[in-house]
C-alpha atoms as a PDB file:
ATOM      1  CA  MET A   1     -63.462  79.261-270.819  1.00  0.00           C
ATOM      2  CA  THR A   2     -66.198  77.218-272.493  1.00  0.00           C
ATOM      3  CA  ILE A   3     -68.089  78.563-275.505  1.00  0.00           C
ATOM      4  CA  ALA A   4     -71.284  76.669-276.293  1.00  0.00           C
ATOM      5  CA  PHE A   5     -73.777  77.088-279.106  1.00  0.00           C
ATOM      6  CA  TRP A   6     -76.374  75.053-280.924  1.00  0.00           C
ATOM      7  CA  THR A   7     -77.306  74.720-284.604  1.00  0.00           C
ATOM      8  CA  VAL A   8     -80.352  73.302-286.361  1.00  0.00           C
ATOM      9  CA  ALA A   9     -78.295  71.341-288.892  1.00  0.00           C
ATOM     10  CA  ALA A  10     -75.357  69.057-288.088  1.00  0.00           C
ATOM     11  CA  VAL A  11     -72.188  71.071-288.747  1.00  0.00           C
ATOM     12  CA  VAL A  12     -68.605  71.265-287.565  1.00  0.00           C
ATOM     13  CA  GLY A  13     -68.673  74.083-285.038  1.00  0.00           C
ATOM     14  CA  GLY A  14     -65.670  76.122-284.091  1.00  0.00           C
ATOM     15  CA  VAL A  15     -64.416  79.204-282.283  1.00  0.00           C
ATOM     16  CA  GLU A  16     -61.607  81.498-283.325  1.00  0.00           C
ATOM     17  CA  TYR A  17     -60.247  83.560-280.458  1.00  0.00           C
ATOM     18  CA  GLY A  18     -57.369  85.641-279.210  1.00  0.00           C
ATOM     19  CA  THR A  19     -56.336  88.695-277.245  1.00  0.00           C
ATOM     20  CA  THR A  20     -56.824  90.949-280.285  1.00  0.00           C
ATOM     21  CA  PRO A  21     -59.649  91.316-282.852  1.00  0.00           C
ATOM     22  CA  LEU A  22     -57.444  89.326-285.242  1.00  0.00           C
ATOM     23  CA  PHE A  23     -58.034  86.248-283.011  1.00  0.00           C
ATOM     24  CA  GLY A  24     -55.121  83.917-283.894  1.00  0.00           C
ATOM     25  CA  SER A  25     -56.279  80.615-282.338  1.00  0.00           C
ATOM     26  CA  VAL A  26     -58.975  78.140-283.398  1.00  0.00           C
ATOM     27  CA  VAL A  27     -60.686  75.205-281.690  1.00  0.00           C
ATOM     28  CA  SER A  28     -63.209  73.012-283.538  1.00  0.00           C
ATOM     29  CA  ASP A  29     -65.484  70.005-283.115  1.00  0.00           C
ATOM     30  CA  VAL A  30     -64.024  66.655-284.054  1.00  0.00           C
ATOM     31  CA  ALA A  31     -67.196  65.695-285.968  1.00  0.00           C
ATOM     32  CA  PRO A  32     -70.409  67.358-287.201  1.00  0.00           C
ATOM     33  CA  GLY A  33     -73.198  67.841-284.680  1.00  0.00           C
ATOM     34  CA  THR A  34     -75.853  70.261-283.471  1.00  0.00           C
ATOM     35  CA  ARG A  35     -74.533  70.863-279.923  1.00  0.00           C
ATOM     36  CA  HIS A  36     -71.150  72.519-279.878  1.00  0.00           C
ATOM     37  CA  VAL A  37     -69.276  72.801-276.565  1.00  0.00           C
ATOM     38  CA  LEU A  38     -65.775  74.083-277.168  1.00  0.00           C
ATOM     39  CA  VAL A  39     -63.169  74.574-274.459  1.00  0.00           C
ATOM     40  CA  LEU A  40     -60.643  77.373-274.850  1.00  0.00           C
ATOM     41  CA  ASP A  41     -57.721  76.393-272.652  1.00  0.00           C
ATOM     42  CA  ALA A  42     -54.261  77.757-271.841  1.00  0.00           C
ATOM     43  CA  LEU A  43     -55.744  81.228-271.425  1.00  0.00           C
ATOM     44  CA  THR A  44     -54.175  83.988-269.324  1.00  0.00           C
ATOM     45  CA  GLY A  45     -56.060  85.111-266.207  1.00  0.00           C
ATOM     46  CA  SER A  46     -57.703  88.553-265.913  1.00  0.00           C
ATOM     47  CA  THR A  47     -57.298  89.059-269.664  1.00  0.00           C
ATOM     48  CA  PRO A  48     -59.824  90.241-272.297  1.00  0.00           C
ATOM     49  CA  TYR A  49     -60.287  87.896-275.253  1.00  0.00           C
ATOM     50  CA  SER A  50     -62.182  88.344-278.516  1.00  0.00           C
ATOM     51  CA  TYR A  51     -63.938  85.406-280.165  1.00  0.00           C
ATOM     52  CA  ARG A  52     -66.143  84.548-283.115  1.00  0.00           C
ATOM     53  CA  LEU A  53     -68.142  81.426-283.960  1.00  0.00           C
ATOM     54  CA  LEU A  54     -67.347  79.222-286.947  1.00  0.00           C
ATOM     55  CA  VAL A  55     -69.685  76.913-288.861  1.00  0.00           C
ATOM     56  CA  ASP A  56     -67.939  74.447-291.153  1.00  0.00           C
ATOM     57  CA  GLY A  57     -64.898  76.695-290.938  1.00  0.00           C
ATOM     58  CA  ALA A  58     -66.689  79.904-291.974  1.00  0.00           C
ATOM     59  CA  PRO A  59     -67.283  82.779-289.523  1.00  0.00           C
ATOM     60  CA  VAL A  60     -70.880  83.496-288.529  1.00  0.00           C
ATOM     61  CA  GLY A  61     -72.384  86.352-286.547  1.00  0.00           C
ATOM     62  CA  VAL A  62     -70.481  89.189-284.945  1.00  0.00           C
ATOM     63  CA  PRO A  63     -67.374  89.022-282.725  1.00  0.00           C
ATOM     64  CA  HIS A  64     -67.832  88.951-278.967  1.00  0.00           C
ATOM     65  CA  ALA A  65     -65.502  89.354-276.015  1.00  0.00           C
ATOM     66  CA  PHE A  66     -65.022  87.993-272.515  1.00  0.00           C
ATOM     67  CA  THR A  67     -62.537  88.435-269.683  1.00  0.00           C
ATOM     68  CA  THR A  68     -60.972  85.417-267.999  1.00  0.00           C
ATOM     69  CA  PRO A  69     -61.217  84.910-264.226  1.00  0.00           C
ATOM     70  CA  PRO A  70     -58.396  86.199-262.024  1.00  0.00           C
ATOM     71  CA  GLY A  71     -55.914  84.065-260.150  1.00  0.00           C
ATOM     72  CA  GLN A  72     -56.766  82.410-256.840  1.00  0.00           C
ATOM     73  CA  ASP A  73     -56.096  85.414-254.617  1.00  0.00           C
ATOM     74  CA  ALA A  74     -56.717  88.232-257.098  1.00  0.00           C
ATOM     75  CA  THR A  75     -59.540  90.740-256.662  1.00  0.00           C
ATOM     76  CA  PRO A  76     -61.785  92.542-257.330  1.00  0.00           C
ATOM     77  CA  VAL A  77     -64.469  90.008-258.221  1.00  0.00           C
ATOM     78  CA  ARG A  78     -67.931  91.326-259.006  1.00  0.00           C
ATOM     79  CA  PHE A  79     -71.012  89.223-259.654  1.00  0.00           C
ATOM     80  CA  VAL A  80     -74.778  89.583-259.832  1.00  0.00           C
ATOM     81  CA  VAL A  81     -77.495  87.282-258.497  1.00  0.00           C
ATOM     82  CA  THR A  82     -81.024  87.141-259.900  1.00  0.00           C
ATOM     83  CA  GLY A  83     -83.875  84.655-260.071  1.00  0.00           C
ATOM     84  CA  ASP A  84     -87.543  83.905-260.724  1.00  0.00           C
ATOM     85  CA  GLY A  85     -87.676  85.894-263.929  1.00  0.00           C
ATOM     86  CA  GLY A  86     -88.141  83.298-266.663  1.00  0.00           C
ATOM     87  CA  THR A  87     -91.249  84.681-268.332  1.00  0.00           C
ATOM     88  CA  GLY A  88     -89.842  86.480-271.355  1.00  0.00           C
ATOM     89  CA  CYS A  89     -91.812  89.547-270.244  1.00  0.00           C
ATOM     90  CA  ALA A  90     -90.661  93.158-270.425  1.00  0.00           C
ATOM     91  CA  THR A  91     -89.921  93.205-266.700  1.00  0.00           C
ATOM     92  CA  GLU A  92     -87.513  90.289-267.058  1.00  0.00           C
ATOM     93  CA  PHE A  93     -85.722  92.064-269.909  1.00  0.00           C
ATOM     94  CA  ASP A  94     -85.498  95.189-267.734  1.00  0.00           C
ATOM     95  CA  THR A  95     -83.985  93.184-264.882  1.00  0.00           C
ATOM     96  CA  ILE A  96     -81.452  91.569-267.207  1.00  0.00           C
ATOM     97  CA  ALA A  97     -80.544  95.032-268.508  1.00  0.00           C
ATOM     98  CA  LEU A  98     -80.026  96.083-264.884  1.00  0.00           C
ATOM     99  CA  ALA A  99     -77.800  93.058-264.311  1.00  0.00           C
ATOM    100  CA  THR A 100     -75.819  93.862-267.458  1.00  0.00           C
ATOM    101  CA  ALA A 101     -75.328  97.454-266.318  1.00  0.00           C
ATOM    102  CA  GLN A 102     -73.469  96.191-263.233  1.00  0.00           C
ATOM    103  CA  ALA A 103     -70.710  94.813-265.537  1.00  0.00           C
ATOM    104  CA  PRO A 104     -70.487  91.544-263.581  1.00  0.00           C
ATOM    105  CA  ASP A 105     -67.727  88.990-263.963  1.00  0.00           C
ATOM    106  CA  PHE A 106     -70.420  86.303-263.796  1.00  0.00           C
ATOM    107  CA  VAL A 107     -74.114  85.853-262.965  1.00  0.00           C
ATOM    108  CA  LEU A 108     -75.806  83.423-260.580  1.00  0.00           C
ATOM    109  CA  HIS A 109     -79.417  82.518-261.381  1.00  0.00           C
ATOM    110  CA  THR A 110     -81.386  81.168-258.403  1.00  0.00           C
ATOM    111  CA  GLY A 111     -83.892  79.214-260.492  1.00  0.00           C
ATOM    112  CA  ASP A 112     -87.300  79.334-262.166  1.00  0.00           C
ATOM    113  CA  ALA A 113     -85.599  80.437-265.368  1.00  0.00           C
ATOM    114  CA  ALA A 114     -88.364  78.937-267.534  1.00  0.00           C
ATOM    115  CA  TYR A 115     -91.990  79.475-266.561  1.00  0.00           C
ATOM    116  CA  GLU A 116     -94.404  77.814-266.373  1.00  0.00           C
ATOM    117  CA  ASP A 117     -93.151  74.266-266.821  1.00  0.00           C
ATOM    118  CA  GLY A 118     -89.527  74.247-267.960  1.00  0.00           C
ATOM    119  CA  THR A 119     -90.340  72.929-271.432  1.00  0.00           C
ATOM    120  CA  THR A 120     -87.921  73.419-274.303  1.00  0.00           C
ATOM    121  CA  SER A 121     -90.119  76.272-275.541  1.00  0.00           C
ATOM    122  CA  ASP A 122     -90.287  77.803-272.047  1.00  0.00           C
ATOM    123  CA  VAL A 123     -86.493  77.670-271.775  1.00  0.00           C
ATOM    124  CA  ARG A 124     -86.061  79.320-275.147  1.00  0.00           C
ATOM    125  CA  ASN A 125     -88.562  82.116-274.466  1.00  0.00           C
ATOM    126  CA  GLY A 126     -87.850  82.655-270.759  1.00  0.00           C
ATOM    127  CA  PHE A 127     -84.108  82.102-270.569  1.00  0.00           C
ATOM    128  CA  THR A 128     -82.144  81.634-273.791  1.00  0.00           C
ATOM    129  CA  ILE A 129     -83.524  84.611-275.717  1.00  0.00           C
ATOM    130  CA  PRO A 130     -83.699  87.114-272.818  1.00  0.00           C
ATOM    131  CA  PHE A 131     -80.145  86.304-271.671  1.00  0.00           C
ATOM    132  CA  ALA A 132     -78.626  85.939-275.162  1.00  0.00           C
ATOM    133  CA  ASP A 133     -76.691  89.209-275.280  1.00  0.00           C
ATOM    134  CA  LEU A 134     -75.399  88.934-271.721  1.00  0.00           C
ATOM    135  CA  ALA A 135     -74.517  85.248-272.149  1.00  0.00           C
ATOM    136  CA  ALA A 136     -72.374  86.067-275.187  1.00  0.00           C
ATOM    137  CA  THR A 137     -69.909  87.913-272.954  1.00  0.00           C
ATOM    138  CA  THR A 138     -70.547  86.756-269.376  1.00  0.00           C
ATOM    139  CA  ALA A 139     -70.675  83.329-267.712  1.00  0.00           C
ATOM    140  CA  ILE A 140     -74.155  82.550-266.355  1.00  0.00           C
ATOM    141  CA  PHE A 141     -74.570  79.800-263.771  1.00  0.00           C
ATOM    142  CA  THR A 142     -78.069  78.459-263.078  1.00  0.00           C
ATOM    143  CA  THR A 143     -79.779  76.219-260.578  1.00  0.00           C
ATOM    144  CA  ILE A 144     -83.034  74.323-261.125  1.00  0.00           C
ATOM    145  CA  GLY A 145     -86.224  75.839-259.727  1.00  0.00           C
ATOM    146  CA  ASN A 146     -89.517  74.082-259.090  1.00  0.00           C
ATOM    147  CA  HIS A 147     -91.031  75.390-262.334  1.00  0.00           C
ATOM    148  CA  ASP A 148     -87.936  74.404-264.306  1.00  0.00           C
ATOM    149  CA  SER A 149     -88.219  70.868-262.928  1.00  0.00           C
ATOM    150  CA  HIS A 150     -91.760  70.255-264.187  1.00  0.00           C
ATOM    151  CA  THR A 151     -90.368  68.909-267.457  1.00  0.00           C
ATOM    152  CA  GLN A 152     -88.016  65.944-267.104  1.00  0.00           C
ATOM    153  CA  GLY A 153     -86.678  67.274-263.832  1.00  0.00           C
ATOM    154  CA  GLY A 154     -85.199  70.356-265.508  1.00  0.00           C
ATOM    155  CA  LYS A 155     -83.471  68.579-268.394  1.00  0.00           C
ATOM    156  CA  PRO A 156     -84.420  71.196-271.040  1.00  0.00           C
ATOM    157  CA  LEU A 157     -82.794  73.945-268.948  1.00  0.00           C
ATOM    158  CA  LEU A 158     -79.665  71.850-268.412  1.00  0.00           C
ATOM    159  CA  ASP A 159     -79.538  70.907-272.107  1.00  0.00           C
ATOM    160  CA  ALA A 160     -79.634  74.608-273.067  1.00  0.00           C
ATOM    161  CA  GLN A 161     -76.332  75.264-271.283  1.00  0.00           C
ATOM    162  CA  ALA A 162     -72.852  73.883-270.730  1.00  0.00           C
ATOM    163  CA  LEU A 163     -72.524  74.134-266.958  1.00  0.00           C
ATOM    164  CA  PRO A 164     -69.693  72.850-264.761  1.00  0.00           C
ATOM    165  CA  GLU A 165     -70.001  69.196-263.778  1.00  0.00           C
ATOM    166  CA  SER A 166     -69.660  67.567-260.360  1.00  0.00           C
ATOM    167  CA  ALA A 167     -69.238  64.223-262.145  1.00  0.00           C
ATOM    168  CA  PRO A 168     -69.321  63.275-265.842  1.00  0.00           C
ATOM    169  CA  GLY A 169     -72.724  64.346-267.133  1.00  0.00           C
ATOM    170  CA  GLU A 170     -73.913  65.761-263.777  1.00  0.00           C
ATOM    171  CA  SER A 171     -74.643  69.509-263.691  1.00  0.00           C
ATOM    172  CA  ARG A 172     -77.560  69.592-261.261  1.00  0.00           C
ATOM    173  CA  TRP A 173     -75.039  70.387-258.553  1.00  0.00           C
ATOM    174  CA  TYR A 174     -71.523  71.667-259.075  1.00  0.00           C
ATOM    175  CA  SER A 175     -68.942  74.172-257.893  1.00  0.00           C
ATOM    176  CA  PHE A 176     -66.425  76.516-259.442  1.00  0.00           C
ATOM    177  CA  ALA A 177     -63.668  78.917-258.418  1.00  0.00           C
ATOM    178  CA  TRP A 178     -63.370  82.572-259.398  1.00  0.00           C
ATOM    179  CA  GLY A 179     -60.450  84.371-257.832  1.00  0.00           C
ATOM    180  CA  PRO A 180     -60.711  83.939-254.022  1.00  0.00           C
ATOM    181  CA  CYS A 181     -64.355  82.810-254.319  1.00  0.00           C
ATOM    182  CA  HIS A 182     -65.607  79.235-254.130  1.00  0.00           C
ATOM    183  CA  VAL A 183     -69.177  79.030-255.457  1.00  0.00           C
ATOM    184  CA  VAL A 184     -71.424  76.002-254.950  1.00  0.00           C
ATOM    185  CA  CYS A 185     -74.680  75.287-256.817  1.00  0.00           C
ATOM    186  CA  LEU A 186     -77.205  72.854-255.346  1.00  0.00           C
ATOM    187  CA  ASP A 187     -80.418  71.366-256.751  1.00  0.00           C
ATOM    188  CA  THR A 188     -83.123  71.550-254.091  1.00  0.00           C
ATOM    189  CA  GLU A 189     -85.502  69.603-256.341  1.00  0.00           C
ATOM    190  CA  THR A 190     -83.207  66.627-255.573  1.00  0.00           C
ATOM    191  CA  SER A 191     -82.581  65.116-252.138  1.00  0.00           C
ATOM    192  CA  THR A 192     -80.112  66.885-249.858  1.00  0.00           C
ATOM    193  CA  THR A 193     -80.488  64.464-246.957  1.00  0.00           C
ATOM    194  CA  ALA A 194     -77.511  62.678-245.420  1.00  0.00           C
ATOM    195  CA  GLY A 195     -76.405  59.764-247.585  1.00  0.00           C
ATOM    196  CA  SER A 196     -77.893  61.152-250.794  1.00  0.00           C
ATOM    197  CA  ALA A 197     -75.616  61.556-253.800  1.00  0.00           C
ATOM    198  CA  GLN A 198     -75.864  65.340-253.689  1.00  0.00           C
ATOM    199  CA  ARG A 199     -75.231  65.593-249.948  1.00  0.00           C
ATOM    200  CA  THR A 200     -72.245  63.229-250.141  1.00  0.00           C
ATOM    201  CA  TRP A 201     -70.737  65.329-252.933  1.00  0.00           C
ATOM    202  CA  LEU A 202     -71.433  68.567-251.025  1.00  0.00           C
ATOM    203  CA  GLU A 203     -69.719  67.335-247.869  1.00  0.00           C
ATOM    204  CA  ALA A 204     -66.590  66.462-249.844  1.00  0.00           C
ATOM    205  CA  ASP A 205     -66.657  69.702-251.821  1.00  0.00           C
ATOM    206  CA  LEU A 206     -66.900  71.943-248.759  1.00  0.00           C
ATOM    207  CA  ALA A 207     -64.312  69.878-246.873  1.00  0.00           C
ATOM    208  CA  SER A 208     -61.784  70.564-249.645  1.00  0.00           C
ATOM    209  CA  ASP A 209     -62.662  74.262-249.938  1.00  0.00           C
ATOM    210  CA  SER A 210     -59.800  76.536-248.863  1.00  0.00           C
ATOM    211  CA  ALA A 211     -61.014  79.724-250.561  1.00  0.00           C
ATOM    212  CA  LEU A 212     -61.249  82.981-248.637  1.00  0.00           C
ATOM    213  CA  TRP A 213     -64.921  83.381-249.590  1.00  0.00           C
ATOM    214  CA  THR A 214     -67.541  80.640-249.939  1.00  0.00           C
ATOM    215  CA  PHE A 215     -70.952  81.149-251.528  1.00  0.00           C
ATOM    216  CA  VAL A 216     -73.789  78.663-252.077  1.00  0.00           C
ATOM    217  CA  PHE A 217     -76.842  79.169-254.272  1.00  0.00           C
ATOM    218  CA  PHE A 218     -80.007  77.155-254.886  1.00  0.00           C
ATOM    219  CA  HIS A 219     -83.734  77.745-255.313  1.00  0.00           C
ATOM    220  CA  HIS A 220     -85.749  77.112-252.128  1.00  0.00           C
ATOM    221  CA  PRO A 221     -84.822  79.304-249.135  1.00  0.00           C
ATOM    222  CA  PRO A 222     -84.156  77.746-245.745  1.00  0.00           C
ATOM    223  CA  TYR A 223     -85.182  81.129-244.287  1.00  0.00           C
ATOM    224  CA  SER A 224     -87.853  83.401-245.771  1.00  0.00           C
ATOM    225  CA  SER A 225     -90.621  85.654-244.480  1.00  0.00           C
ATOM    226  CA  SER A 226     -92.510  85.927-247.773  1.00  0.00           C
ATOM    227  CA  ARG A 227     -95.259  83.781-249.318  1.00  0.00           C
ATOM    228  CA  HIS A 228     -93.571  80.367-249.322  1.00  0.00           C
ATOM    229  CA  GLY A 229     -91.773  80.903-246.028  1.00  0.00           C
ATOM    230  CA  SER A 230     -88.865  78.962-244.581  1.00  0.00           C
ATOM    231  CA  ASN A 231     -88.108  75.392-245.630  1.00  0.00           C
ATOM    232  CA  ALA A 232     -87.655  73.223-242.548  1.00  0.00           C
ATOM    233  CA  THR A 233     -86.276  70.268-244.507  1.00  0.00           C
ATOM    234  CA  LEU A 234     -83.487  72.308-246.062  1.00  0.00           C
ATOM    235  CA  GLU A 235     -82.820  73.993-242.733  1.00  0.00           C
ATOM    236  CA  ALA A 236     -82.301  70.566-241.153  1.00  0.00           C
ATOM    237  CA  ASP A 237     -80.338  69.129-244.094  1.00  0.00           C
ATOM    238  CA  LEU A 238     -78.035  71.995-244.981  1.00  0.00           C
ATOM    239  CA  VAL A 239     -77.690  74.626-242.259  1.00  0.00           C
ATOM    240  CA  PRO A 240     -75.571  72.514-239.859  1.00  0.00           C
ATOM    241  CA  LEU A 241     -73.145  71.806-242.721  1.00  0.00           C
ATOM    242  CA  PHE A 242     -73.019  75.480-243.714  1.00  0.00           C
ATOM    243  CA  ASP A 243     -72.326  76.372-240.080  1.00  0.00           C
ATOM    244  CA  ALA A 244     -69.583  73.786-239.759  1.00  0.00           C
ATOM    245  CA  ARG A 245     -67.869  74.823-242.991  1.00  0.00           C
ATOM    246  CA  HIS A 246     -68.231  78.590-242.426  1.00  0.00           C
ATOM    247  CA  VAL A 247     -70.179  79.406-245.585  1.00  0.00           C
ATOM    248  CA  ASP A 248     -70.289  83.182-245.950  1.00  0.00           C
ATOM    249  CA  VAL A 249     -73.479  83.835-247.957  1.00  0.00           C
ATOM    250  CA  VAL A 250     -76.299  81.625-249.273  1.00  0.00           C
ATOM    251  CA  PHE A 251     -78.405  82.937-252.193  1.00  0.00           C
ATOM    252  CA  THR A 252     -81.866  81.568-253.004  1.00  0.00           C
ATOM    253  CA  GLY A 253     -85.019  82.518-254.892  1.00  0.00           C
ATOM    254  CA  HIS A 254     -88.530  80.998-254.932  1.00  0.00           C
ATOM    255  CA  ASP A 255     -90.100  83.877-253.014  1.00  0.00           C
ATOM    256  CA  HIS A 256     -90.441  86.857-255.351  1.00  0.00           C
ATOM    257  CA  ASP A 257     -88.946  89.546-253.142  1.00  0.00           C
ATOM    258  CA  TYR A 258     -85.640  90.473-251.517  1.00  0.00           C
ATOM    259  CA  GLU A 259     -84.738  89.487-247.976  1.00  0.00           C
ATOM    260  CA  ARG A 260     -81.383  89.477-246.188  1.00  0.00           C
ATOM    261  CA  THR A 261     -80.938  87.831-242.814  1.00  0.00           C
ATOM    262  CA  PHE A 262     -78.601  88.740-240.023  1.00  0.00           C
ATOM    263  CA  PRO A 263     -75.728  86.251-239.808  1.00  0.00           C
ATOM    264  CA  LEU A 264     -77.303  83.043-238.541  1.00  0.00           C
ATOM    265  CA  ALA A 265     -75.699  80.239-236.539  1.00  0.00           C
ATOM    266  CA  ALA A 266     -77.835  77.201-235.770  1.00  0.00           C
ATOM    267  CA  GLY A 267     -80.736  79.221-237.172  1.00  0.00           C
ATOM    268  CA  LEU A 268     -80.377  82.067-234.671  1.00  0.00           C
ATOM    269  CA  PRO A 269     -79.219  85.651-235.337  1.00  0.00           C
ATOM    270  CA  VAL A 270     -75.693  86.489-234.209  1.00  0.00           C
ATOM    271  CA  ASP A 271     -73.597  89.666-234.293  1.00  0.00           C
ATOM    272  CA  VAL A 272     -76.772  91.728-234.690  1.00  0.00           C
ATOM    273  CA  GLY A 273     -75.116  94.772-233.160  1.00  0.00           C
ATOM    274  CA  MET A 274     -72.779  95.054-236.141  1.00  0.00           C
ATOM    275  CA  GLU A 275     -75.594  95.470-238.687  1.00  0.00           C
ATOM    276  CA  PRO A 276     -75.019  96.346-241.539  1.00  0.00           C
ATOM    277  CA  ASP A 277     -71.202  96.231-241.474  1.00  0.00           C
ATOM    278  CA  TYR A 278     -69.918  92.961-240.096  1.00  0.00           C
ATOM    279  CA  VAL A 279     -66.367  92.131-239.057  1.00  0.00           C
ATOM    280  CA  ASP A 280     -65.593  88.409-238.754  1.00  0.00           C
ATOM    281  CA  PRO A 281     -69.253  87.407-238.289  1.00  0.00           C
ATOM    282  CA  THR A 282     -69.788  84.024-236.671  1.00  0.00           C
ATOM    283  CA  GLY A 283     -72.742  83.024-238.860  1.00  0.00           C
ATOM    284  CA  THR A 284     -73.947  82.736-242.451  1.00  0.00           C
ATOM    285  CA  VAL A 285     -75.992  85.423-244.206  1.00  0.00           C
ATOM    286  CA  TYR A 286     -78.986  84.130-246.212  1.00  0.00           C
ATOM    287  CA  VAL A 287     -80.327  86.215-249.102  1.00  0.00           C
ATOM    288  CA  VAL A 288     -83.588  85.631-250.965  1.00  0.00           C
ATOM    289  CA  THR A 289     -83.259  87.337-254.341  1.00  0.00           C
ATOM    290  CA  GLY A 290     -86.301  86.369-256.403  1.00  0.00           C
ATOM    291  CA  GLY A 291     -87.240  89.703-257.967  1.00  0.00           C
ATOM    292  CA  GLY A 292     -86.189  88.844-261.523  1.00  0.00           C
ATOM    293  CA  GLY A 293     -89.425  89.538-263.387  1.00  0.00           C
ATOM    294  CA  LYS A 294     -92.274  87.253-262.324  1.00  0.00           C
ATOM    295  CA  GLY A 295     -95.033  88.895-260.253  1.00  0.00           C
ATOM    296  CA  LEU A 296     -93.837  90.082-256.852  1.00  0.00           C
ATOM    297  CA  TYR A 297     -94.817  88.632-253.466  1.00  0.00           C
ATOM    298  CA  PRO A 298     -95.276  90.722-250.314  1.00  0.00           C
ATOM    299  CA  ALA A 299     -92.139  91.074-248.225  1.00  0.00           C
ATOM    300  CA  GLY A 300     -92.315  89.998-244.600  1.00  0.00           C
ATOM    301  CA  THR A 301     -90.101  90.112-241.534  1.00  0.00           C
ATOM    302  CA  SER A 302     -89.040  87.555-238.954  1.00  0.00           C
ATOM    303  CA  ALA A 303     -86.642  87.509-236.029  1.00  0.00           C
ATOM    304  CA  PHE A 304     -83.869  86.620-238.491  1.00  0.00           C
ATOM    305  CA  THR A 305     -84.638  89.455-240.958  1.00  0.00           C
ATOM    306  CA  ALA A 306     -82.143  92.294-241.326  1.00  0.00           C
ATOM    307  CA  PHE A 307     -83.891  93.833-244.340  1.00  0.00           C
ATOM    308  CA  SER A 308     -86.672  92.921-246.777  1.00  0.00           C
ATOM    309  CA  VAL A 309     -88.518  94.621-249.620  1.00  0.00           C
ATOM    310  CA  SER A 310     -90.951  93.638-252.358  1.00  0.00           C
ATOM    311  CA  ALA A 311     -89.282  94.980-255.496  1.00  0.00           C
ATOM    312  CA  PHE A 312     -87.871  93.914-258.817  1.00  0.00           C
ATOM    313  CA  HIS A 313     -84.114  93.955-258.339  1.00  0.00           C
ATOM    314  CA  VAL A 314     -80.764  92.269-258.716  1.00  0.00           C
ATOM    315  CA  THR A 315     -78.283  91.555-255.958  1.00  0.00           C
ATOM    316  CA  ARG A 316     -74.732  92.646-256.680  1.00  0.00           C
ATOM    317  CA  VAL A 317     -71.697  91.448-254.810  1.00  0.00           C
ATOM    318  CA  ALA A 318     -68.207  92.935-254.861  1.00  0.00           C
ATOM    319  CA  VAL A 319     -65.239  91.149-253.305  1.00  0.00           C
ATOM    320  CA  GLU A 320     -62.158  93.265-252.719  1.00  0.00           C
ATOM    321  CA  ALA A 321     -59.516  91.351-250.772  1.00  0.00           C
ATOM    322  CA  GLU A 322     -60.934  90.741-247.263  1.00  0.00           C
ATOM    323  CA  THR A 323     -64.068  92.889-247.735  1.00  0.00           C
ATOM    324  CA  LEU A 324     -67.346  91.866-249.332  1.00  0.00           C
ATOM    325  CA  THR A 325     -70.024  94.399-250.254  1.00  0.00           C
ATOM    326  CA  LEU A 326     -73.564  93.149-250.895  1.00  0.00           C
ATOM    327  CA  GLU A 327     -76.282  95.401-252.315  1.00  0.00           C
ATOM    328  CA  ALA A 328     -79.809  95.008-253.641  1.00  0.00           C
ATOM    329  CA  VAL A 329     -80.316  97.314-256.633  1.00  0.00           C
ATOM    330  CA  GLY A 330     -83.778  98.311-257.821  1.00  0.00           C
ATOM    331  CA  GLN A 331     -84.740  98.657-261.462  1.00  0.00           C
ATOM    332  CA  ASP A 332     -84.176 102.424-261.378  1.00  0.00           C
ATOM    333  CA  GLY A 333     -80.643 101.894-260.060  1.00  0.00           C
ATOM    334  CA  THR A 334     -81.494 102.790-256.467  1.00  0.00           C
ATOM    335  CA  VAL A 335     -79.598 100.833-253.815  1.00  0.00           C
ATOM    336  CA  LEU A 336     -82.342  99.235-251.722  1.00  0.00           C
ATOM    337  CA  ASP A 337     -80.083  97.459-249.234  1.00  0.00           C
ATOM    338  CA  HIS A 338     -76.392  97.571-248.359  1.00  0.00           C
ATOM    339  CA  ALA A 339     -74.223  95.409-246.119  1.00  0.00           C
ATOM    340  CA  THR A 340     -70.549  94.550-245.816  1.00  0.00           C
ATOM    341  CA  ILE A 341     -68.538  91.666-244.390  1.00  0.00           C
ATOM    342  CA  THR A 342     -64.869  92.154-243.545  1.00  0.00           C
ATOM    343  CA  LYS A 343     -62.530  89.348-242.552  1.00  0.00           C
ATOM    344  CA  THR A 344     -59.440  89.820-240.449  1.00  0.00           C
ATOM    345  CA  PRO A 345     -56.419  88.711-242.504  1.00  0.00           C
ATOM    346  CA  PRO A 346     -54.916  85.470-241.186  1.00  0.00           C
END
């Protein structure tokens, strides 16, 4: 697990941690600085840990806790997806409270975390402060949205976090494992065409993926029936690769609504007769989940649409062995949409 924090003055940062409130282990910076990224290694899977920050060896703030990811085949895994909320408004705080109430193992953010222009101030007000309490206990993984990219291509948002890296210093696209889940983040503000650095990395990453469940998230939707609509470039660049590598679900934002497609293969609906409970579907489900707090867009429908609604919401996902449950949850806790995918054990 990585614990990251920032200080105004240059100090030696540290973390004391352990499986009890007495902690017992310490990791510290090797030299004073203002950005402190500390890796807690040799941890036990599926285990609660307590931790507290240190500044120049002295404890600061209150203790927090986190739970480590499970082993490769262990379930359940529960996560929440949200996006397009980075305003710092009351509605964003309400949506984050809704996400917190789901007790997720981790959170995926589909971008536009810092309106209007992704400046350092926008990131602080639209992302860092609203997510502070949740981020103290739960890993949050972000992708860059078009608004985030207005300032230095999203650098302030990246600098405010310590995300996984696809190469040294590269966190615009990356992947990570959590139990039987392989999760891929892409940056659709950067080229995804064949031969590009991101596409070359993605091809290798998916080729080496042997996880039971594969998820991809990024900002612009290949398929959408709302204001911005489908993105033909991403459909051409990415969908054939997702088809070939049997990606289970793709999460995006950009349109401020919720929309779930039928499983799609080569852009066409398949297994429609199983809706909403799919067994060994032959396509990928695409979910637009952009109801995180910014003003809503009207929901639309297309031939690929299984369900859509214009509502503030989060999407929650539960993986239990060979069954995945996907639900859109409104701000009052109402389940707006429900679908399952079950895989036949090999």
